Structures are given as C-alpha cells and as structure tokens.
N, C-alpha and C. Protein backbone atom coordinates (compact mmCIF):
# COMPACT_ATOMS: atom_id res chain seq x y z
N MET A 1 83.91 136.80 138.56
CA MET A 1 82.72 137.20 137.46
C MET A 1 81.90 137.38 136.73
N PRO A 2 81.94 137.45 134.97
CA PRO A 2 80.96 138.43 134.90
C PRO A 2 79.80 137.80 134.67
N ARG A 3 78.67 138.70 134.66
CA ARG A 3 77.27 138.20 134.38
C ARG A 3 76.68 137.90 133.37
N ARG A 4 75.91 136.88 132.77
CA ARG A 4 75.57 136.46 131.85
C ARG A 4 74.73 137.56 130.94
N GLY A 5 75.32 138.50 130.38
CA GLY A 5 73.87 139.50 129.35
C GLY A 5 72.51 139.07 128.44
N ALA A 6 71.51 139.52 128.74
CA ALA A 6 70.65 139.45 128.45
C ALA A 6 70.24 139.32 127.19
N ARG A 7 70.81 139.02 125.83
CA ARG A 7 71.20 138.36 125.36
C ARG A 7 71.44 136.71 125.36
N GLN A 8 72.88 136.79 125.86
CA GLN A 8 73.02 135.44 126.28
C GLN A 8 71.93 134.68 127.15
N LEU A 9 71.51 135.15 127.94
CA LEU A 9 70.28 134.60 128.12
C LEU A 9 68.72 134.30 128.10
N ARG A 10 68.57 135.01 126.52
CA ARG A 10 67.65 134.54 125.56
C ARG A 10 67.47 133.63 125.23
N ALA A 11 68.84 133.68 124.48
CA ALA A 11 69.76 132.93 123.29
C ALA A 11 69.41 132.17 123.79
N ARG A 12 70.11 131.44 124.99
CA ARG A 12 69.85 130.04 125.56
C ARG A 12 68.56 129.23 125.91
N ALA A 13 67.68 130.62 126.22
CA ALA A 13 66.08 130.17 126.80
C ALA A 13 65.10 129.69 125.29
N ARG A 14 65.72 130.43 124.19
CA ARG A 14 65.11 130.15 123.10
C ARG A 14 65.13 128.44 122.20
N LEU A 15 66.71 128.68 123.23
CA LEU A 15 67.39 127.36 122.53
C LEU A 15 66.66 125.49 123.25
N SER A 16 66.38 126.37 124.10
CA SER A 16 66.05 125.14 125.13
C SER A 16 64.26 125.47 124.64
N ALA A 17 63.68 126.11 125.07
CA ALA A 17 63.12 126.14 124.69
C ALA A 17 61.82 125.56 123.49
N ARG A 18 62.42 126.09 122.16
CA ARG A 18 62.63 125.35 121.51
C ARG A 18 62.39 124.02 120.46
N THR A 19 63.92 123.85 120.93
CA THR A 19 64.40 122.41 120.76
C THR A 19 63.92 121.37 121.78
N LEU A 20 64.23 121.73 122.70
CA LEU A 20 64.03 120.31 123.69
C LEU A 20 62.73 120.12 123.36
N ALA A 21 61.10 121.23 122.67
CA ALA A 21 60.38 120.47 122.75
C ALA A 21 60.45 119.03 121.70
N ALA A 22 61.33 119.75 120.17
CA ALA A 22 60.93 117.99 119.65
C ALA A 22 61.51 117.15 119.92
N CYS A 23 62.77 117.78 121.23
CA CYS A 23 63.94 116.16 121.43
C CYS A 23 62.54 115.53 122.70
N SER A 24 61.99 116.11 122.88
CA SER A 24 60.41 115.94 123.97
C SER A 24 60.19 113.95 123.84
N ALA A 25 60.51 113.80 122.63
CA ALA A 25 59.58 112.08 122.17
C ALA A 25 60.38 111.24 123.40
N ILE A 26 61.89 111.88 123.68
CA ILE A 26 62.70 110.49 123.87
C ILE A 26 62.76 110.68 125.42
N ASP A 27 61.38 109.73 126.04
CA ASP A 27 61.54 109.22 127.25
C ASP A 27 62.63 108.56 127.19
N GLY A 28 62.91 108.63 129.42
CA GLY A 28 63.79 107.79 130.01
C GLY A 28 65.31 108.77 129.80
N LEU A 29 64.92 109.58 129.39
CA LEU A 29 66.26 110.86 129.79
C LEU A 29 65.96 111.62 130.53
N SER A 30 66.88 112.44 131.62
CA SER A 30 66.88 113.38 131.94
C SER A 30 66.97 115.51 131.25
N PRO A 31 66.10 115.70 131.96
CA PRO A 31 65.88 117.01 130.69
C PRO A 31 67.67 118.01 130.52
N ARG A 32 68.06 117.36 131.22
CA ARG A 32 69.29 117.73 130.86
C ARG A 32 70.36 116.54 130.20
N THR A 33 70.39 115.86 129.70
CA THR A 33 70.61 114.93 129.02
C THR A 33 70.15 115.75 127.70
N ARG A 34 68.50 115.74 127.57
CA ARG A 34 67.51 116.10 126.65
C ARG A 34 67.97 117.30 126.07
N TYR A 35 68.53 117.88 127.13
CA TYR A 35 69.12 119.52 126.34
C TYR A 35 70.21 119.54 125.83
N GLU A 36 71.03 118.71 126.41
CA GLU A 36 72.79 118.34 125.51
C GLU A 36 72.25 117.27 123.93
N ILE A 37 71.32 116.45 124.03
CA ILE A 37 70.91 116.32 122.46
C ILE A 37 70.70 117.71 121.58
N ALA A 38 69.25 118.26 122.29
CA ALA A 38 69.09 119.39 121.54
C ALA A 38 69.87 120.25 120.96
N ARG A 39 71.12 120.79 121.81
CA ARG A 39 72.38 121.98 121.57
C ARG A 39 72.81 120.91 120.78
N LEU A 40 73.17 119.85 120.25
CA LEU A 40 74.17 118.76 119.33
C LEU A 40 73.63 119.40 118.33
N GLU A 41 71.67 118.83 118.37
CA GLU A 41 71.31 118.96 116.86
C GLU A 41 71.27 120.27 116.18
N CYS A 42 71.20 121.43 117.08
CA CYS A 42 71.45 122.26 117.18
C CYS A 42 72.15 122.63 116.10
N ALA A 43 73.60 122.29 117.23
CA ALA A 43 75.08 123.09 116.68
C ALA A 43 75.66 122.22 115.80
N ARG A 44 74.81 121.22 114.50
CA ARG A 44 75.58 120.51 113.78
C ARG A 44 74.74 121.41 112.74
N GLY A 45 75.59 120.48 111.73
CA GLY A 45 74.56 120.95 110.52
C GLY A 45 73.92 119.86 109.61
N TYR A 46 73.85 118.55 109.76
CA TYR A 46 73.50 117.76 109.48
C TYR A 46 72.51 117.00 109.57
N LEU A 47 72.55 117.11 111.11
CA LEU A 47 70.78 117.21 111.94
C LEU A 47 69.82 118.12 112.21
N ARG A 48 69.17 117.95 112.76
CA ARG A 48 67.73 118.75 112.85
C ARG A 48 67.08 118.59 114.06
N PRO A 49 66.60 118.99 114.56
CA PRO A 49 65.47 119.15 116.24
C PRO A 49 64.48 118.09 116.10
N GLY A 50 65.08 117.04 116.79
CA GLY A 50 64.82 115.58 116.22
C GLY A 50 64.82 114.48 115.94
N THR A 51 65.40 114.81 114.90
CA THR A 51 66.34 113.98 114.59
C THR A 51 66.63 112.62 114.99
N THR A 52 67.00 112.92 116.20
CA THR A 52 67.84 111.80 117.30
C THR A 52 66.12 110.85 117.81
N ALA A 53 65.38 111.38 117.60
CA ALA A 53 64.74 110.02 118.26
C ALA A 53 63.75 109.69 117.36
N VAL A 54 63.72 110.74 115.93
CA VAL A 54 63.33 109.50 114.99
C VAL A 54 64.46 108.36 115.28
N ALA A 55 65.89 108.58 114.79
CA ALA A 55 66.44 107.32 115.00
C ALA A 55 66.07 106.61 116.03
N LEU A 56 65.87 106.43 116.93
CA LEU A 56 65.57 105.76 118.02
C LEU A 56 64.60 105.72 118.34
N ARG A 57 64.04 105.83 117.72
CA ARG A 57 62.33 105.16 117.49
C ARG A 57 62.62 104.12 116.29
N HIS A 58 62.72 103.84 115.09
CA HIS A 58 63.32 103.39 114.03
C HIS A 58 64.32 102.40 114.37
N TRP A 59 65.49 102.43 115.61
CA TRP A 59 66.10 101.72 116.24
C TRP A 59 65.51 100.68 116.82
N ARG A 60 64.50 100.76 118.31
CA ARG A 60 63.90 100.61 118.94
C ARG A 60 62.62 99.84 118.39
N ALA A 61 62.24 99.94 116.26
CA ALA A 61 60.48 99.37 115.78
C ALA A 61 61.83 98.08 115.14
N PHE A 62 63.45 98.33 114.74
CA PHE A 62 63.81 97.47 113.87
C PHE A 62 63.77 96.15 114.81
N VAL A 63 64.58 96.38 116.31
CA VAL A 63 65.66 95.44 117.78
C VAL A 63 63.73 94.95 118.01
N HIS A 64 62.73 95.13 118.07
CA HIS A 64 60.99 94.43 118.74
C HIS A 64 60.94 93.59 117.34
N ASP A 65 60.90 94.15 116.29
CA ASP A 65 60.41 92.83 114.90
C ASP A 65 60.98 91.93 115.46
N PRO A 66 60.71 90.45 115.52
CA PRO A 66 60.98 89.50 115.81
C PRO A 66 61.78 88.88 115.12
N TYR A 67 62.07 89.53 113.47
CA TYR A 67 62.30 89.15 112.55
C TYR A 67 63.07 89.72 111.50
N HIS A 68 62.92 90.68 112.33
CA HIS A 68 64.86 91.82 112.45
C HIS A 68 64.87 92.05 110.36
N ARG A 69 62.88 92.67 109.81
CA ARG A 69 62.32 92.30 108.84
C ARG A 69 63.43 93.92 108.33
N LEU A 70 64.32 94.26 107.29
CA LEU A 70 64.77 95.66 106.32
C LEU A 70 63.93 95.26 105.50
N TRP A 71 63.66 96.84 104.84
CA TRP A 71 63.04 96.97 103.75
C TRP A 71 63.41 95.60 102.45
N VAL A 72 62.52 95.69 101.38
CA VAL A 72 62.91 95.30 100.04
C VAL A 72 62.52 95.67 99.04
N ASP A 73 63.59 96.76 98.72
CA ASP A 73 62.59 97.48 97.60
C ASP A 73 63.34 97.97 96.62
N HIS A 74 63.24 97.76 95.84
CA HIS A 74 64.20 98.38 94.34
C HIS A 74 64.55 99.61 93.98
N ASP A 75 63.21 99.82 94.26
CA ASP A 75 63.33 101.69 94.36
C ASP A 75 64.64 102.24 95.59
N GLY A 76 64.94 101.52 96.51
CA GLY A 76 65.11 102.36 97.36
C GLY A 76 64.30 102.49 98.50
N GLY A 77 63.16 102.67 98.40
CA GLY A 77 62.28 103.43 99.50
C GLY A 77 61.58 104.74 98.67
N CYS A 78 61.11 105.46 99.10
CA CYS A 78 59.98 106.91 99.14
C CYS A 78 61.17 107.59 98.47
N GLY A 79 62.60 107.35 99.95
CA GLY A 79 63.24 108.12 99.80
C GLY A 79 63.00 109.66 101.11
N ILE A 80 62.67 109.78 102.10
CA ILE A 80 62.36 109.80 102.69
C ILE A 80 62.21 109.15 104.36
N TRP A 81 63.34 110.03 105.06
CA TRP A 81 63.97 109.26 105.54
C TRP A 81 63.21 108.98 107.23
N GLU A 82 62.72 109.90 106.72
CA GLU A 82 61.58 109.29 108.72
C GLU A 82 60.25 107.90 108.53
N CYS A 83 60.64 107.80 107.18
CA CYS A 83 59.30 107.01 106.68
C CYS A 83 60.51 105.72 106.46
N CYS A 84 61.34 105.43 104.89
CA CYS A 84 61.82 104.37 104.53
C CYS A 84 63.23 104.35 105.27
N ALA A 85 63.32 104.71 107.16
CA ALA A 85 65.03 105.00 106.95
C ALA A 85 65.85 103.28 106.89
N ASP A 86 67.60 102.90 107.23
CA ASP A 86 67.64 102.33 107.19
C ASP A 86 68.25 102.30 109.05
N PRO A 87 67.10 100.60 109.34
CA PRO A 87 67.92 100.50 111.15
C PRO A 87 69.43 101.17 111.09
N HIS A 88 69.71 100.22 110.66
CA HIS A 88 71.42 100.08 110.69
C HIS A 88 72.20 102.02 110.93
N GLU A 89 71.67 102.30 110.28
CA GLU A 89 72.32 103.33 109.71
C GLU A 89 71.70 104.42 111.17
N ALA A 90 70.57 104.41 111.08
CA ALA A 90 70.23 105.00 112.60
C ALA A 90 70.42 104.65 113.71
N ARG A 91 70.87 103.37 113.66
CA ARG A 91 71.82 103.42 115.32
C ARG A 91 73.56 103.23 114.83
N GLU A 92 73.72 103.60 114.03
CA GLU A 92 75.02 104.56 114.24
C GLU A 92 75.18 106.07 113.83
N LEU A 93 74.10 106.69 113.72
CA LEU A 93 73.67 108.08 113.72
C LEU A 93 73.56 108.77 115.04
N LEU A 94 72.60 107.09 116.26
CA LEU A 94 72.56 107.35 117.71
C LEU A 94 74.21 107.37 118.37
N GLU A 95 75.27 106.03 117.79
CA GLU A 95 76.38 105.82 118.53
C GLU A 95 77.33 107.72 118.10
N GLY A 96 76.68 108.16 116.90
CA GLY A 96 77.39 109.13 116.36
C GLY A 96 77.19 110.55 117.76
N VAL A 97 75.67 110.27 118.22
CA VAL A 97 75.08 111.26 118.86
C VAL A 97 75.29 110.98 119.88
N ARG A 98 75.88 109.95 120.02
CA ARG A 98 76.03 109.11 121.70
C ARG A 98 77.62 109.94 121.93
N GLY A 99 78.54 109.38 121.04
CA GLY A 99 79.70 109.83 120.77
C GLY A 99 80.22 111.70 121.55
N ALA A 100 79.16 112.57 120.62
CA ALA A 100 79.39 113.78 120.42
C ALA A 100 79.33 114.39 121.53
N LEU A 101 78.00 113.85 122.62
CA LEU A 101 77.30 114.56 124.41
C LEU A 101 78.88 114.16 125.23
N ARG A 102 78.17 115.14 126.44
CA ARG A 102 79.48 114.81 126.81
C ARG A 102 79.91 114.04 127.79
N PRO A 103 80.58 113.36 128.57
CA PRO A 103 80.42 112.20 129.61
C PRO A 103 79.33 111.76 130.62
N ARG A 104 78.68 112.45 131.19
CA ARG A 104 77.45 112.42 131.73
C ARG A 104 76.47 112.23 131.18
N ALA A 105 75.65 113.24 130.48
CA ALA A 105 75.43 112.67 129.03
C ALA A 105 74.77 111.37 127.81
N ARG A 106 76.56 111.08 127.48
CA ARG A 106 77.15 109.51 127.18
C ARG A 106 76.04 108.67 127.70
N ARG A 107 76.82 108.29 129.35
CA ARG A 107 76.22 107.74 129.77
C ARG A 107 75.06 107.40 129.77
N GLU A 108 74.17 108.14 130.17
CA GLU A 108 72.97 107.93 130.58
C GLU A 108 72.07 107.54 128.85
N PHE A 109 72.62 108.05 127.86
CA PHE A 109 71.86 107.61 126.57
C PHE A 109 72.62 106.18 126.44
N GLY A 110 73.72 106.12 126.44
CA GLY A 110 74.49 104.96 126.51
C GLY A 110 73.54 104.05 127.23
N ARG A 111 73.04 104.79 128.80
CA ARG A 111 71.96 103.12 129.38
C ARG A 111 70.88 103.39 128.46
N LEU A 112 70.69 104.36 128.13
CA LEU A 112 69.23 104.59 127.49
C LEU A 112 69.12 103.34 126.00
N LEU A 113 70.66 102.43 125.09
CA LEU A 113 70.47 102.96 124.13
C LEU A 113 70.75 100.70 124.79
N ALA A 114 71.15 100.27 125.68
CA ALA A 114 71.82 98.71 126.01
C ALA A 114 70.43 97.65 126.17
N PRO A 115 70.18 98.12 126.91
CA PRO A 115 68.50 97.09 126.44
C PRO A 115 68.67 96.74 125.28
N LEU A 116 68.37 97.40 124.02
CA LEU A 116 67.63 97.53 122.77
C LEU A 116 69.31 97.10 122.30
N ASP A 117 70.12 96.89 122.29
CA ASP A 117 71.57 96.18 121.73
C ASP A 117 71.23 95.02 121.98
N ALA A 118 71.51 94.77 123.33
CA ALA A 118 71.22 93.53 124.36
C ALA A 118 70.70 92.58 123.40
N ARG A 119 68.71 93.10 123.23
CA ARG A 119 67.98 92.35 122.34
C ARG A 119 68.32 91.80 121.84
N TYR A 120 68.56 92.46 120.39
CA TYR A 120 69.92 93.11 118.62
C TYR A 120 70.75 91.47 118.82
C-alpha cells in the first residue's frame, strides 16, 4: 500500500482545522461526524462551512417555541438566511445533509435530530 504524500496530508489537515472550527458549534456529535459534515460542506457548492450548524440552530429554536411561529412579513424578511430563515427549509437542509453522510455519521446525526422531530 503506497504512502500518502505530504501534499495529501497537508490538504487534509487544512480542511480539518479550517472547517471543524465552523462546525464545532454542533454539540453532541463526535469529531468524526463533525469532520464528515465539514467535508460535505466543503465538497458541495451550495453549502458553506457552518451552514448545517445554522440550520440546526433555526430548527431547534422553531421546535422549542411553544407556538411554532413563522415570520409573517409581506416583504419576505430581510433576505439573509442566517437571520430570517424558513424553519421548514432549514429542516429540509438538515435532511439533505443527513442523507449525504456515511452510514455511521448518518445514524449519529439522526439521533441528534430525533428528539427535535419528536417534539415537533
């Protein structure tokens, strides 16, 4: 089995250090699963580092709100996803991330989402 080159090792370390800092906001996940999410966020063009953490925060806030309030605004909000996101859109993003993960990380991420879904 050939050794990994120095370039491959440095690229993996760069990805790990840079993106795990953005994904570390997700409590309750192992470092391996956080790395999987970070890898996914960097590999996909429509995700940025930290997008999954923001979506989880929006979904958690919506589920814990006793009235499950949605924003009612004729203008559609401010247009910034981090501020005025649709919670159902955030849940769909979380489901997409969960589906794209490897089986072990998918199960762990599903265990994180299950209590929120049961509460909803």
